[in-house]
Amino acid sequence: MKYLCLGYGDPAKMNALPKEELSTLLRKCVPYVEELNKYEGIIAHEGVSWDATTIRAVRGKPTVTDGPFVETREKIGSFFFIEARDLNEAIRVASLHPSANMGEDMGWRIEVRQVTEFRPD
């Protein structure tokens, strides 16, 4: 099974850190990222911009707006896509990510979602 793991954080809190403190925090992430990338079921692992562009239908036509489609302090800052036997293995792998181990003050967390193939009946 495939799982999409989304790493969330609070950009305002991260941006409020002095540059040196943020650099120190990010350096502490390296061993976690290295361990995660050793997992043979990893398909992709990347950081993403805090900013987003949203496309949604408005009166039947695609409309583009800036920003996430919901108001929240936490935003997606990274993702990884893995293949795992089941949800328990996906959780174990997601637990290797820095967001699951540190950055509590920054609002870091990981969301794990099983990927399902879209098949209209």
PDB file of N, CA and C in Angstrom:
ATOM      1  N   MET A   1       0.831  -1.173   0.000  1.00  0.00           N
ATOM      2  CA  MET A   1       0.000   0.000   0.000  1.00  0.00           C
ATOM      3  C   MET A   1       0.884   1.248   0.000  1.00  0.00           C
ATOM      4  N   LYS A   2       0.338   2.286  -0.585  1.00  0.00           N
ATOM      5  CA  LYS A   2       1.066   3.552  -0.627  1.00  0.00           C
ATOM      6  C   LYS A   2       0.455   4.520   0.367  1.00  0.00           C
ATOM      7  N   TYR A   3       1.329   5.348   0.944  1.00  0.00           N
ATOM      8  CA  TYR A   3       0.911   6.334   1.938  1.00  0.00           C
ATOM      9  C   TYR A   3       1.555   7.678   1.626  1.00  0.00           C
ATOM     10  N   LEU A   4       0.748   8.710   1.752  1.00  0.00           N
ATOM     11  CA  LEU A   4       1.235  10.071   1.648  1.00  0.00           C
ATOM     12  C   LEU A   4       1.363  10.595   3.067  1.00  0.00           C
ATOM     13  N   CYS A   5       2.534  11.074   3.405  1.00  0.00           N
ATOM     14  CA  CYS A   5       2.789  11.612   4.740  1.00  0.00           C
ATOM     15  C   CYS A   5       3.061  13.106   4.582  1.00  0.00           C
ATOM     16  N   LEU A   6       2.280  13.905   5.296  1.00  0.00           N
ATOM     17  CA  LEU A   6       2.382  15.353   5.189  1.00  0.00           C
ATOM     18  C   LEU A   6       2.972  15.925   6.470  1.00  0.00           C
ATOM     19  N   GLY A   7       4.003  16.727   6.320  1.00  0.00           N
ATOM     20  CA  GLY A   7       4.639  17.375   7.459  1.00  0.00           C
ATOM     21  C   GLY A   7       4.104  18.786   7.609  1.00  0.00           C
ATOM     22  N   TYR A   8       3.518  19.078   8.776  1.00  0.00           N
ATOM     23  CA  TYR A   8       2.934  20.386   9.045  1.00  0.00           C
ATOM     24  C   TYR A   8       3.807  21.160  10.028  1.00  0.00           C
ATOM     25  N   GLY A   9       3.724  22.471   9.948  1.00  0.00           N
ATOM     26  CA  GLY A   9       4.403  23.339  10.889  1.00  0.00           C
ATOM     27  C   GLY A   9       3.732  24.698  10.890  1.00  0.00           C
ATOM     28  N   ASP A  10       4.156  25.542  11.795  1.00  0.00           N
ATOM     29  CA  ASP A  10       3.623  26.897  11.895  1.00  0.00           C
ATOM     30  C   ASP A  10       4.686  27.853  11.359  1.00  0.00           C
ATOM     31  N   PRO A  11       4.512  28.336  10.121  1.00  0.00           N
ATOM     32  CA  PRO A  11       5.550  29.190   9.533  1.00  0.00           C
ATOM     33  C   PRO A  11       5.815  30.471  10.330  1.00  0.00           C
ATOM     34  N   ALA A  12       4.793  31.019  10.971  1.00  0.00           N
ATOM     35  CA  ALA A  12       5.000  32.247  11.754  1.00  0.00           C
ATOM     36  C   ALA A  12       5.979  31.985  12.889  1.00  0.00           C
ATOM     37  N   LYS A  13       5.841  30.836  13.547  1.00  0.00           N
ATOM     38  CA  LYS A  13       6.757  30.495  14.640  1.00  0.00           C
ATOM     39  C   LYS A  13       8.166  30.257  14.106  1.00  0.00           C
ATOM     40  N   MET A  14       8.264  29.591  12.980  1.00  0.00           N
ATOM     41  CA  MET A  14       9.597  29.329  12.424  1.00  0.00           C
ATOM     42  C   MET A  14      10.249  30.616  11.958  1.00  0.00           C
ATOM     43  N   ASN A  15       9.476  31.483  11.304  1.00  0.00           N
ATOM     44  CA  ASN A  15      10.019  32.753  10.817  1.00  0.00           C
ATOM     45  C   ASN A  15      10.396  33.699  11.950  1.00  0.00           C
ATOM     46  N   ALA A  16       9.805  33.498  13.123  1.00  0.00           N
ATOM     47  CA  ALA A  16      10.114  34.348  14.273  1.00  0.00           C
ATOM     48  C   ALA A  16      11.439  33.976  14.935  1.00  0.00           C
ATOM     49  N   LEU A  17      11.964  32.800  14.645  1.00  0.00           N
ATOM     50  CA  LEU A  17      13.234  32.385  15.241  1.00  0.00           C
ATOM     51  C   LEU A  17      14.386  33.197  14.668  1.00  0.00           C
ATOM     52  N   PRO A  18      15.349  33.548  15.497  1.00  0.00           N
ATOM     53  CA  PRO A  18      16.568  34.159  14.961  1.00  0.00           C
ATOM     54  C   PRO A  18      17.221  33.181  13.976  1.00  0.00           C
ATOM     55  N   LYS A  19      17.867  33.701  12.960  1.00  0.00           N
ATOM     56  CA  LYS A  19      18.443  32.880  11.885  1.00  0.00           C
ATOM     57  C   LYS A  19      19.340  31.761  12.434  1.00  0.00           C
ATOM     58  N   GLU A  20      20.170  32.089  13.409  1.00  0.00           N
ATOM     59  CA  GLU A  20      21.090  31.089  13.968  1.00  0.00           C
ATOM     60  C   GLU A  20      20.323  29.968  14.673  1.00  0.00           C
ATOM     61  N   GLU A  21      19.276  30.321  15.395  1.00  0.00           N
ATOM     62  CA  GLU A  21      18.468  29.326  16.101  1.00  0.00           C
ATOM     63  C   GLU A  21      17.732  28.413  15.112  1.00  0.00           C
ATOM     64  N   LEU A  22      17.220  29.011  14.028  1.00  0.00           N
ATOM     65  CA  LEU A  22      16.553  28.215  13.001  1.00  0.00           C
ATOM     66  C   LEU A  22      17.545  27.263  12.327  1.00  0.00           C
ATOM     67  N   SER A  23      18.741  27.758  12.033  1.00  0.00           N
ATOM     68  CA  SER A  23      19.779  26.915  11.425  1.00  0.00           C
ATOM     69  C   SER A  23      20.139  25.746  12.333  1.00  0.00           C
ATOM     70  N   THR A  24      20.254  26.012  13.626  1.00  0.00           N
ATOM     71  CA  THR A  24      20.555  24.953  14.593  1.00  0.00           C
ATOM     72  C   THR A  24      19.442  23.917  14.599  1.00  0.00           C
ATOM     73  N   LEU A  25      18.206  24.369  14.619  1.00  0.00           N
ATOM     74  CA  LEU A  25      17.063  23.458  14.609  1.00  0.00           C
ATOM     75  C   LEU A  25      17.067  22.602  13.344  1.00  0.00           C
ATOM     76  N   LEU A  26      17.298  23.217  12.198  1.00  0.00           N
ATOM     77  CA  LEU A  26      17.299  22.466  10.937  1.00  0.00           C
ATOM     78  C   LEU A  26      18.463  21.485  10.857  1.00  0.00           C
ATOM     79  N   ARG A  27      19.618  21.848  11.416  1.00  0.00           N
ATOM     80  CA  ARG A  27      20.756  20.910  11.445  1.00  0.00           C
ATOM     81  C   ARG A  27      20.422  19.677  12.280  1.00  0.00           C
ATOM     82  N   LYS A  28      19.635  19.873  13.345  1.00  0.00           N
ATOM     83  CA  LYS A  28      19.239  18.735  14.179  1.00  0.00           C
ATOM     84  C   LYS A  28      18.315  17.779  13.414  1.00  0.00           C
ATOM     85  N   CYS A  29      17.712  18.255  12.338  1.00  0.00           N
ATOM     86  CA  CYS A  29      16.820  17.413  11.523  1.00  0.00           C
ATOM     87  C   CYS A  29      17.588  16.396  10.677  1.00  0.00           C
ATOM     88  N   VAL A  30      18.836  16.704  10.344  1.00  0.00           N
ATOM     89  CA  VAL A  30      19.598  15.898   9.389  1.00  0.00           C
ATOM     90  C   VAL A  30      19.638  14.410   9.740  1.00  0.00           C
ATOM     91  N   PRO A  31      19.964  14.016  10.969  1.00  0.00           N
ATOM     92  CA  PRO A  31      20.002  12.569  11.253  1.00  0.00           C
ATOM     93  C   PRO A  31      18.644  11.880  11.046  1.00  0.00           C
ATOM     94  N   TYR A  32      17.563  12.582  11.367  1.00  0.00           N
ATOM     95  CA  TYR A  32      16.230  11.999  11.162  1.00  0.00           C
ATOM     96  C   TYR A  32      15.952  11.805   9.677  1.00  0.00           C
ATOM     97  N   VAL A  33      16.273  12.819   8.875  1.00  0.00           N
ATOM     98  CA  VAL A  33      16.056  12.744   7.433  1.00  0.00           C
ATOM     99  C   VAL A  33      16.910  11.630   6.826  1.00  0.00           C
ATOM    100  N   GLU A  34      18.163  11.521   7.266  1.00  0.00           N
ATOM    101  CA  GLU A  34      19.030  10.462   6.757  1.00  0.00           C
ATOM    102  C   GLU A  34      18.468   9.079   7.077  1.00  0.00           C
ATOM    103  N   GLU A  35      17.962   8.902   8.274  1.00  0.00           N
ATOM    104  CA  GLU A  35      17.378   7.622   8.682  1.00  0.00           C
ATOM    105  C   GLU A  35      16.119   7.317   7.866  1.00  0.00           C
ATOM    106  N   LEU A  36      15.278   8.320   7.680  1.00  0.00           N
ATOM    107  CA  LEU A  36      14.061   8.148   6.885  1.00  0.00           C
ATOM    108  C   LEU A  36      14.412   7.754   5.456  1.00  0.00           C
ATOM    109  N   ASN A  37      15.401   8.404   4.875  1.00  0.00           N
ATOM    110  CA  ASN A  37      15.762   8.130   3.484  1.00  0.00           C
ATOM    111  C   ASN A  37      16.394   6.754   3.289  1.00  0.00           C
ATOM    112  N   LYS A  38      16.792   6.088   4.358  1.00  0.00           N
ATOM    113  CA  LYS A  38      17.313   4.718   4.254  1.00  0.00           C
ATOM    114  C   LYS A  38      16.196   3.697   4.027  1.00  0.00           C
ATOM    115  N   TYR A  39      14.964   4.080   4.356  1.00  0.00           N
ATOM    116  CA  TYR A  39      13.833   3.161   4.215  1.00  0.00           C
ATOM    117  C   TYR A  39      13.644   2.832   2.736  1.00  0.00           C
ATOM    118  N   GLU A  40      13.671   1.537   2.405  1.00  0.00           N
ATOM    119  CA  GLU A  40      13.637   1.145   0.988  1.00  0.00           C
ATOM    120  C   GLU A  40      12.292   1.408   0.312  1.00  0.00           C
ATOM    121  N   GLY A  41      11.242   1.638   1.083  1.00  0.00           N
ATOM    122  CA  GLY A  41       9.933   1.905   0.503  1.00  0.00           C
ATOM    123  C   GLY A  41       9.666   3.376   0.232  1.00  0.00           C
ATOM    124  N   ILE A  42      10.685   4.230   0.417  1.00  0.00           N
ATOM    125  CA  ILE A  42      10.467   5.659   0.185  1.00  0.00           C
ATOM    126  C   ILE A  42      10.410   5.915  -1.320  1.00  0.00           C
ATOM    127  N   ILE A  43       9.390   6.607  -1.745  1.00  0.00           N
ATOM    128  CA  ILE A  43       9.220   6.924  -3.164  1.00  0.00           C
ATOM    129  C   ILE A  43       9.675   8.358  -3.423  1.00  0.00           C
ATOM    130  N   ALA A  44       9.328   9.275  -2.530  1.00  0.00           N
ATOM    131  CA  ALA A  44       9.736  10.679  -2.648  1.00  0.00           C
ATOM    132  C   ALA A  44       9.726  11.295  -1.259  1.00  0.00           C
ATOM    133  N   HIS A  45      10.615  12.268  -1.057  1.00  0.00           N
ATOM    134  CA  HIS A  45      10.681  12.993   0.220  1.00  0.00           C
ATOM    135  C   HIS A  45      11.205  14.389  -0.085  1.00  0.00           C
ATOM    136  N   GLU A  46      10.351  15.388   0.062  1.00  0.00           N
ATOM    137  CA  GLU A  46      10.737  16.755  -0.283  1.00  0.00           C
ATOM    138  C   GLU A  46      10.077  17.754   0.655  1.00  0.00           C
ATOM    139  N   GLY A  47      10.695  18.901   0.769  1.00  0.00           N
ATOM    140  CA  GLY A  47      10.064  20.030   1.427  1.00  0.00           C
ATOM    141  C   GLY A  47       9.272  20.809   0.385  1.00  0.00           C
ATOM    142  N   VAL A  48       8.279  21.548   0.832  1.00  0.00           N
ATOM    143  CA  VAL A  48       7.489  22.365  -0.084  1.00  0.00           C
ATOM    144  C   VAL A  48       7.342  23.773   0.486  1.00  0.00           C
ATOM    145  N   SER A  49       7.027  24.710  -0.374  1.00  0.00           N
ATOM    146  CA  SER A  49       6.814  26.094   0.028  1.00  0.00           C
ATOM    147  C   SER A  49       5.625  26.178   0.972  1.00  0.00           C
ATOM    148  N   TRP A  50       5.696  27.105   1.911  1.00  0.00           N
ATOM    149  CA  TRP A  50       4.555  27.336   2.799  1.00  0.00           C
ATOM    150  C   TRP A  50       3.382  27.910   2.010  1.00  0.00           C
ATOM    151  N   ASP A  51       3.687  28.647   0.959  1.00  0.00           N
ATOM    152  CA  ASP A  51       2.647  29.278   0.153  1.00  0.00           C
ATOM    153  C   ASP A  51       2.015  28.254  -0.778  1.00  0.00           C
ATOM    154  N   ALA A  52       0.766  28.492  -1.122  1.00  0.00           N
ATOM    155  CA  ALA A  52       0.060  27.573  -2.009  1.00  0.00           C
ATOM    156  C   ALA A  52      -0.854  28.361  -2.928  1.00  0.00           C
ATOM    157  N   THR A  53      -1.158  27.776  -4.047  1.00  0.00           N
ATOM    158  CA  THR A  53      -2.164  28.285  -4.962  1.00  0.00           C
ATOM    159  C   THR A  53      -3.269  27.255  -4.993  1.00  0.00           C
ATOM    160  N   THR A  54      -4.501  27.702  -4.833  1.00  0.00           N
ATOM    161  CA  THR A  54      -5.642  26.800  -4.774  1.00  0.00           C
ATOM    162  C   THR A  54      -6.517  26.995  -6.006  1.00  0.00           C
ATOM    163  N   ILE A  55      -6.920  25.898  -6.603  1.00  0.00           N
ATOM    164  CA  ILE A  55      -7.832  25.926  -7.741  1.00  0.00           C
ATOM    165  C   ILE A  55      -9.110  25.233  -7.298  1.00  0.00           C
ATOM    166  N   ARG A  56     -10.233  25.923  -7.438  1.00  0.00           N
ATOM    167  CA  ARG A  56     -11.525  25.331  -7.073  1.00  0.00           C
ATOM    168  C   ARG A  56     -12.574  25.816  -8.062  1.00  0.00           C
ATOM    169  N   ALA A  57     -13.637  25.050  -8.155  1.00  0.00           N
ATOM    170  CA  ALA A  57     -14.727  25.434  -9.046  1.00  0.00           C
ATOM    171  C   ALA A  57     -15.568  26.531  -8.403  1.00  0.00           C
ATOM    172  N   VAL A  58     -15.809  27.581  -9.159  1.00  0.00           N
ATOM    173  CA  VAL A  58     -16.724  28.652  -8.759  1.00  0.00           C
ATOM    174  C   VAL A  58     -17.669  28.863  -9.940  1.00  0.00           C
ATOM    175  N   ARG A  59     -18.923  28.592  -9.707  1.00  0.00           N
ATOM    176  CA  ARG A  59     -19.943  28.645 -10.749  1.00  0.00           C
ATOM    177  C   ARG A  59     -19.540  27.801 -11.961  1.00  0.00           C
ATOM    178  N   GLY A  60     -18.991  26.632 -11.655  1.00  0.00           N
ATOM    179  CA  GLY A  60     -18.659  25.669 -12.700  1.00  0.00           C
ATOM    180  C   GLY A  60     -17.370  25.914 -13.453  1.00  0.00           C
ATOM    181  N   LYS A  61     -16.576  26.894 -13.025  1.00  0.00           N
ATOM    182  CA  LYS A  61     -15.317  27.190 -13.716  1.00  0.00           C
ATOM    183  C   LYS A  61     -14.166  27.190 -12.719  1.00  0.00           C
ATOM    184  N   PRO A  62     -12.990  26.683 -13.142  1.00  0.00           N
ATOM    185  CA  PRO A  62     -11.836  26.711 -12.248  1.00  0.00           C
ATOM    186  C   PRO A  62     -11.444  28.150 -11.903  1.00  0.00           C
ATOM    187  N   THR A  63     -11.278  28.400 -10.615  1.00  0.00           N
ATOM    188  CA  THR A  63     -10.884  29.715 -10.133  1.00  0.00           C
ATOM    189  C   THR A  63      -9.637  29.553  -9.279  1.00  0.00           C
ATOM    190  N   VAL A  64      -8.676  30.416  -9.484  1.00  0.00           N
ATOM    191  CA  VAL A  64      -7.392  30.337  -8.790  1.00  0.00           C
ATOM    192  C   VAL A  64      -7.346  31.388  -7.690  1.00  0.00           C
ATOM    193  N   THR A  65      -6.930  30.962  -6.489  1.00  0.00           N
ATOM    194  CA  THR A  65      -6.723  31.883  -5.374  1.00  0.00           C
ATOM    195  C   THR A  65      -5.369  31.575  -4.745  1.00  0.00           C
ATOM    196  N   ASP A  66      -4.800  32.566  -4.080  1.00  0.00           N
ATOM    197  CA  ASP A  66      -3.544  32.364  -3.359  1.00  0.00           C
ATOM    198  C   ASP A  66      -3.836  31.775  -1.997  1.00  0.00           C
ATOM    199  N   GLY A  67      -2.930  30.936  -1.544  1.00  0.00           N
ATOM    200  CA  GLY A  67      -2.993  30.418  -0.185  1.00  0.00           C
ATOM    201  C   GLY A  67      -3.751  29.114  -0.069  1.00  0.00           C
ATOM    202  N   PRO A  68      -3.555  28.459   1.055  1.00  0.00           N
ATOM    203  CA  PRO A  68      -4.292  27.218   1.318  1.00  0.00           C
ATOM    204  C   PRO A  68      -5.788  27.497   1.354  1.00  0.00           C
ATOM    205  N   PHE A  69      -6.574  26.473   1.141  1.00  0.00           N
ATOM    206  CA  PHE A  69      -8.017  26.664   1.069  1.00  0.00           C
ATOM    207  C   PHE A  69      -8.682  26.754   2.424  1.00  0.00           C
ATOM    208  N   VAL A  70      -7.943  26.558   3.501  1.00  0.00           N
ATOM    209  CA  VAL A  70      -8.503  26.713   4.844  1.00  0.00           C
ATOM    210  C   VAL A  70      -7.619  27.672   5.630  1.00  0.00           C
ATOM    211  N   GLU A  71      -8.206  28.365   6.569  1.00  0.00           N
ATOM    212  CA  GLU A  71      -7.447  29.252   7.444  1.00  0.00           C
ATOM    213  C   GLU A  71      -6.897  28.435   8.602  1.00  0.00           C
ATOM    214  N   THR A  72      -5.604  28.397   8.705  1.00  0.00           N
ATOM    215  CA  THR A  72      -4.959  27.656   9.774  1.00  0.00           C
ATOM    216  C   THR A  72      -3.559  28.211   9.983  1.00  0.00           C
ATOM    217  N   ARG A  73      -3.057  28.066  11.172  1.00  0.00           N
ATOM    218  CA  ARG A  73      -1.672  28.476  11.428  1.00  0.00           C
ATOM    219  C   ARG A  73      -0.710  27.421  10.924  1.00  0.00           C
ATOM    220  N   GLU A  74      -1.122  26.159  10.998  1.00  0.00           N
ATOM    221  CA  GLU A  74      -0.265  25.074  10.523  1.00  0.00           C
ATOM    222  C   GLU A  74      -0.422  24.940   9.017  1.00  0.00           C
ATOM    223  N   LYS A  75       0.703  24.822   8.352  1.00  0.00           N
ATOM    224  CA  LYS A  75       0.694  24.647   6.897  1.00  0.00           C
ATOM    225  C   LYS A  75       1.596  23.471   6.543  1.00  0.00           C
ATOM    226  N   ILE A  76       1.355  22.896   5.392  1.00  0.00           N
ATOM    227  CA  ILE A  76       2.194  21.801   4.916  1.00  0.00           C
ATOM    228  C   ILE A  76       3.547  22.373   4.525  1.00  0.00           C
ATOM    229  N   GLY A  77       4.609  21.777   5.065  1.00  0.00           N
ATOM    230  CA  GLY A  77       5.964  22.219   4.766  1.00  0.00           C
ATOM    231  C   GLY A  77       6.812  21.136   4.130  1.00  0.00           C
ATOM    232  N   SER A  78       6.310  19.890   4.158  1.00  0.00           N
ATOM    233  CA  SER A  78       7.035  18.796   3.527  1.00  0.00           C
ATOM    234  C   SER A  78       6.069  17.650   3.265  1.00  0.00           C
ATOM    235  N   PHE A  79       6.523  16.745   2.428  1.00  0.00           N
ATOM    236  CA  PHE A  79       5.753  15.536   2.198  1.00  0.00           C
ATOM    237  C   PHE A  79       6.717  14.401   1.937  1.00  0.00           C
ATOM    238  N   PHE A  80       6.268  13.212   2.195  1.00  0.00           N
ATOM    239  CA  PHE A  80       6.976  12.047   1.693  1.00  0.00           C
ATOM    240  C   PHE A  80       5.950  11.007   1.320  1.00  0.00           C
ATOM    241  N   PHE A  81       6.314  10.245   0.321  1.00  0.00           N
ATOM    242  CA  PHE A  81       5.434   9.257  -0.269  1.00  0.00           C
ATOM    243  C   PHE A  81       6.137   7.921  -0.107  1.00  0.00           C
ATOM    244  N   ILE A  82       5.466   6.960   0.538  1.00  0.00           N
ATOM    245  CA  ILE A  82       6.107   5.687   0.839  1.00  0.00           C
ATOM    246  C   ILE A  82       5.223   4.518   0.435  1.00  0.00           C
ATOM    247  N   GLU A  83       5.844   3.385   0.341  1.00  0.00           N
ATOM    248  CA  GLU A  83       5.132   2.128   0.187  1.00  0.00           C
ATOM    249  C   GLU A  83       5.398   1.335   1.457  1.00  0.00           C
ATOM    250  N   ALA A  84       4.330   0.838   2.068  1.00  0.00           N
ATOM    251  CA  ALA A  84       4.440   0.097   3.328  1.00  0.00           C
ATOM    252  C   ALA A  84       3.425  -1.045   3.319  1.00  0.00           C
ATOM    253  N   ARG A  85       3.684  -2.056   4.148  1.00  0.00           N
ATOM    254  CA  ARG A  85       2.776  -3.218   4.224  1.00  0.00           C
ATOM    255  C   ARG A  85       1.391  -2.827   4.700  1.00  0.00           C
ATOM    256  N   ASP A  86       1.343  -1.934   5.696  1.00  0.00           N
ATOM    257  CA  ASP A  86       0.069  -1.554   6.302  1.00  0.00           C
ATOM    258  C   ASP A  86       0.248  -0.223   7.037  1.00  0.00           C
ATOM    259  N   LEU A  87      -0.832   0.242   7.650  1.00  0.00           N
ATOM    260  CA  LEU A  87      -0.791   1.520   8.348  1.00  0.00           C
ATOM    261  C   LEU A  87       0.226   1.514   9.490  1.00  0.00           C
ATOM    262  N   ASN A  88       0.346   0.384  10.193  1.00  0.00           N
ATOM    263  CA  ASN A  88       1.310   0.328  11.302  1.00  0.00           C
ATOM    264  C   ASN A  88       2.736   0.555  10.811  1.00  0.00           C
ATOM    265  N   GLU A  89       3.094  -0.050   9.682  1.00  0.00           N
ATOM    266  CA  GLU A  89       4.438   0.170   9.144  1.00  0.00           C
ATOM    267  C   GLU A  89       4.587   1.613   8.671  1.00  0.00           C
ATOM    268  N   ALA A  90       3.551   2.164   8.048  1.00  0.00           N
ATOM    269  CA  ALA A  90       3.598   3.562   7.588  1.00  0.00           C
ATOM    270  C   ALA A  90       3.798   4.504   8.777  1.00  0.00           C
ATOM    271  N   ILE A  91       3.123   4.235   9.876  1.00  0.00           N
ATOM    272  CA  ILE A  91       3.285   5.054  11.085  1.00  0.00           C
ATOM    273  C   ILE A  91       4.706   4.924  11.626  1.00  0.00           C
ATOM    274  N   ARG A  92       5.240   3.701  11.637  1.00  0.00           N
ATOM    275  CA  ARG A  92       6.615   3.495  12.110  1.00  0.00           C
ATOM    276  C   ARG A  92       7.595   4.307  11.273  1.00  0.00           C
ATOM    277  N   VAL A  93       7.422   4.272   9.950  1.00  0.00           N
ATOM    278  CA  VAL A  93       8.317   5.018   9.060  1.00  0.00           C
ATOM    279  C   VAL A  93       8.120   6.519   9.244  1.00  0.00           C
ATOM    280  N   ALA A  94       6.872   6.965   9.313  1.00  0.00           N
ATOM    281  CA  ALA A  94       6.599   8.394   9.496  1.00  0.00           C
ATOM    282  C   ALA A  94       7.189   8.895  10.813  1.00  0.00           C
ATOM    283  N   SER A  95       7.277   8.019  11.794  1.00  0.00           N
ATOM    284  CA  SER A  95       7.840   8.381  13.098  1.00  0.00           C
ATOM    285  C   SER A  95       9.335   8.670  13.032  1.00  0.00           C
ATOM    286  N   LEU A  96       9.984   8.346  11.911  1.00  0.00           N
ATOM    287  CA  LEU A  96      11.400   8.650  11.737  1.00  0.00           C
ATOM    288  C   LEU A  96      11.623  10.111  11.352  1.00  0.00           C
ATOM    289  N   HIS A  97      10.597  10.766  10.857  1.00  0.00           N
ATOM    290  CA  HIS A  97      10.713  12.139  10.353  1.00  0.00           C
ATOM    291  C   HIS A  97      10.973  13.114  11.504  1.00  0.00           C
ATOM    292  N   PRO A  98      11.750  14.178  11.247  1.00  0.00           N
ATOM    293  CA  PRO A  98      12.004  15.167  12.307  1.00  0.00           C
ATOM    294  C   PRO A  98      10.728  15.748  12.909  1.00  0.00           C
ATOM    295  N   SER A  99       9.702  15.926  12.103  1.00  0.00           N
ATOM    296  CA  SER A  99       8.458  16.530  12.610  1.00  0.00           C
ATOM    297  C   SER A  99       7.784  15.679  13.673  1.00  0.00           C
ATOM    298  N   ALA A 100       8.072  14.387  13.670  1.00  0.00           N
ATOM    299  CA  ALA A 100       7.497  13.491  14.673  1.00  0.00           C
ATOM    300  C   ALA A 100       8.354  13.428  15.936  1.00  0.00           C
ATOM    301  N   ASN A 101       9.550  13.974  15.876  1.00  0.00           N
ATOM    302  CA  ASN A 101      10.503  13.838  16.975  1.00  0.00           C
ATOM    303  C   ASN A 101      10.930  15.143  17.624  1.00  0.00           C
ATOM    304  N   MET A 102      10.730  16.242  16.956  1.00  0.00           N
ATOM    305  CA  MET A 102      11.202  17.514  17.474  1.00  0.00           C
ATOM    306  C   MET A 102      10.360  18.629  16.880  1.00  0.00           C
ATOM    307  N   GLY A 103      10.647  19.850  17.186  1.00  0.00           N
ATOM    308  CA  GLY A 103       9.907  20.968  16.620  1.00  0.00           C
ATOM    309  C   GLY A 103       8.516  21.138  17.201  1.00  0.00           C
ATOM    310  N   GLU A 104       8.317  20.556  18.373  1.00  0.00           N
ATOM    311  CA  GLU A 104       7.017  20.648  19.039  1.00  0.00           C
ATOM    312  C   GLU A 104       6.590  22.107  19.200  1.00  0.00           C
ATOM    313  N   ASP A 105       7.542  22.973  19.541  1.00  0.00           N
ATOM    314  CA  ASP A 105       7.250  24.390  19.716  1.00  0.00           C
ATOM    315  C   ASP A 105       6.894  25.071  18.398  1.00  0.00           C
ATOM    316  N   MET A 106       7.263  24.458  17.284  1.00  0.00           N
ATOM    317  CA  MET A 106       7.000  25.019  15.961  1.00  0.00           C
ATOM    318  C   MET A 106       5.700  24.492  15.362  1.00  0.00           C
ATOM    319  N   GLY A 107       4.989  23.664  16.135  1.00  0.00           N
ATOM    320  CA  GLY A 107       3.735  23.092  15.639  1.00  0.00           C
ATOM    321  C   GLY A 107       3.940  21.962  14.645  1.00  0.00           C
ATOM    322  N   TRP A 108       5.129  21.347  14.647  1.00  0.00           N
ATOM    323  CA  TRP A 108       5.414  20.280  13.690  1.00  0.00           C
ATOM    324  C   TRP A 108       4.608  19.035  14.012  1.00  0.00           C
ATOM    325  N   ARG A 109       4.120  18.399  12.983  1.00  0.00           N
ATOM    326  CA  ARG A 109       3.427  17.115  13.115  1.00  0.00           C
ATOM    327  C   ARG A 109       3.397  16.439  11.753  1.00  0.00           C
ATOM    328  N   ILE A 110       3.104  15.155  11.754  1.00  0.00           N
ATOM    329  CA  ILE A 110       2.999  14.375  10.521  1.00  0.00           C
ATOM    330  C   ILE A 110       1.591  13.809  10.425  1.00  0.00           C
ATOM    331  N   GLU A 111       1.035  13.893   9.240  1.00  0.00           N
ATOM    332  CA  GLU A 111      -0.262  13.286   8.953  1.00  0.00           C
ATOM    333  C   GLU A 111      -0.012  12.158   7.956  1.00  0.00           C
ATOM    334  N   VAL A 112      -0.563  10.981   8.218  1.00  0.00           N
ATOM    335  CA  VAL A 112      -0.369   9.813   7.357  1.00  0.00           C
ATOM    336  C   VAL A 112      -1.703   9.470   6.704  1.00  0.00           C
ATOM    337  N   ARG A 113      -1.696   9.387   5.376  1.00  0.00           N
ATOM    338  CA  ARG A 113      -2.924   9.062   4.633  1.00  0.00           C
ATOM    339  C   ARG A 113      -2.648   7.951   3.634  1.00  0.00           C
ATOM    340  N   GLN A 114      -3.495   6.927   3.650  1.00  0.00           N
ATOM    341  CA  GLN A 114      -3.362   5.874   2.654  1.00  0.00           C
ATOM    342  C   GLN A 114      -3.793   6.442   1.304  1.00  0.00           C
ATOM    343  N   VAL A 115      -3.049   6.101   0.273  1.00  0.00           N
ATOM    344  CA  VAL A 115      -3.356   6.544  -1.076  1.00  0.00           C
ATOM    345  C   VAL A 115      -4.222   5.463  -1.718  1.00  0.00           C
ATOM    346  N   THR A 116      -5.337   5.887  -2.257  1.00  0.00           N
ATOM    347  CA  THR A 116      -6.236   4.944  -2.935  1.00  0.00           C
ATOM    348  C   THR A 116      -6.354   5.355  -4.397  1.00  0.00           C
ATOM    349  N   GLU A 117      -6.458   4.385  -5.235  1.00  0.00           N
ATOM    350  CA  GLU A 117      -6.588   4.656  -6.668  1.00  0.00           C
ATOM    351  C   GLU A 117      -8.021   5.052  -6.980  1.00  0.00           C
ATOM    352  N   PHE A 118      -8.157   6.109  -7.757  1.00  0.00           N
ATOM    353  CA  PHE A 118      -9.489   6.578  -8.155  1.00  0.00           C
ATOM    354  C   PHE A 118      -9.985   5.687  -9.278  1.00  0.00           C
ATOM    355  N   ARG A 119     -11.092   5.025  -9.009  1.00  0.00           N
ATOM    356  CA  ARG A 119     -11.710   4.152 -10.011  1.00  0.00           C
ATOM    357  C   ARG A 119     -13.221   4.386 -10.024  1.00  0.00           C
ATOM    358  N   PRO A 120     -13.688   5.182 -10.963  1.00  0.00           N
ATOM    359  CA  PRO A 120     -15.141   5.375 -11.018  1.00  0.00           C
ATOM    360  C   PRO A 120     -15.813   4.078 -11.463  1.00  0.00           C
ATOM    361  N   ASP A 121     -16.937   3.776 -10.834  1.00  0.00           N
ATOM    362  CA  ASP A 121     -17.648   2.541 -11.196  1.00  0.00           C
ATOM    363  C   ASP A 121     -18.474   2.722 -12.442  1.00  0.00           C
TER     364      ASP A 121
END
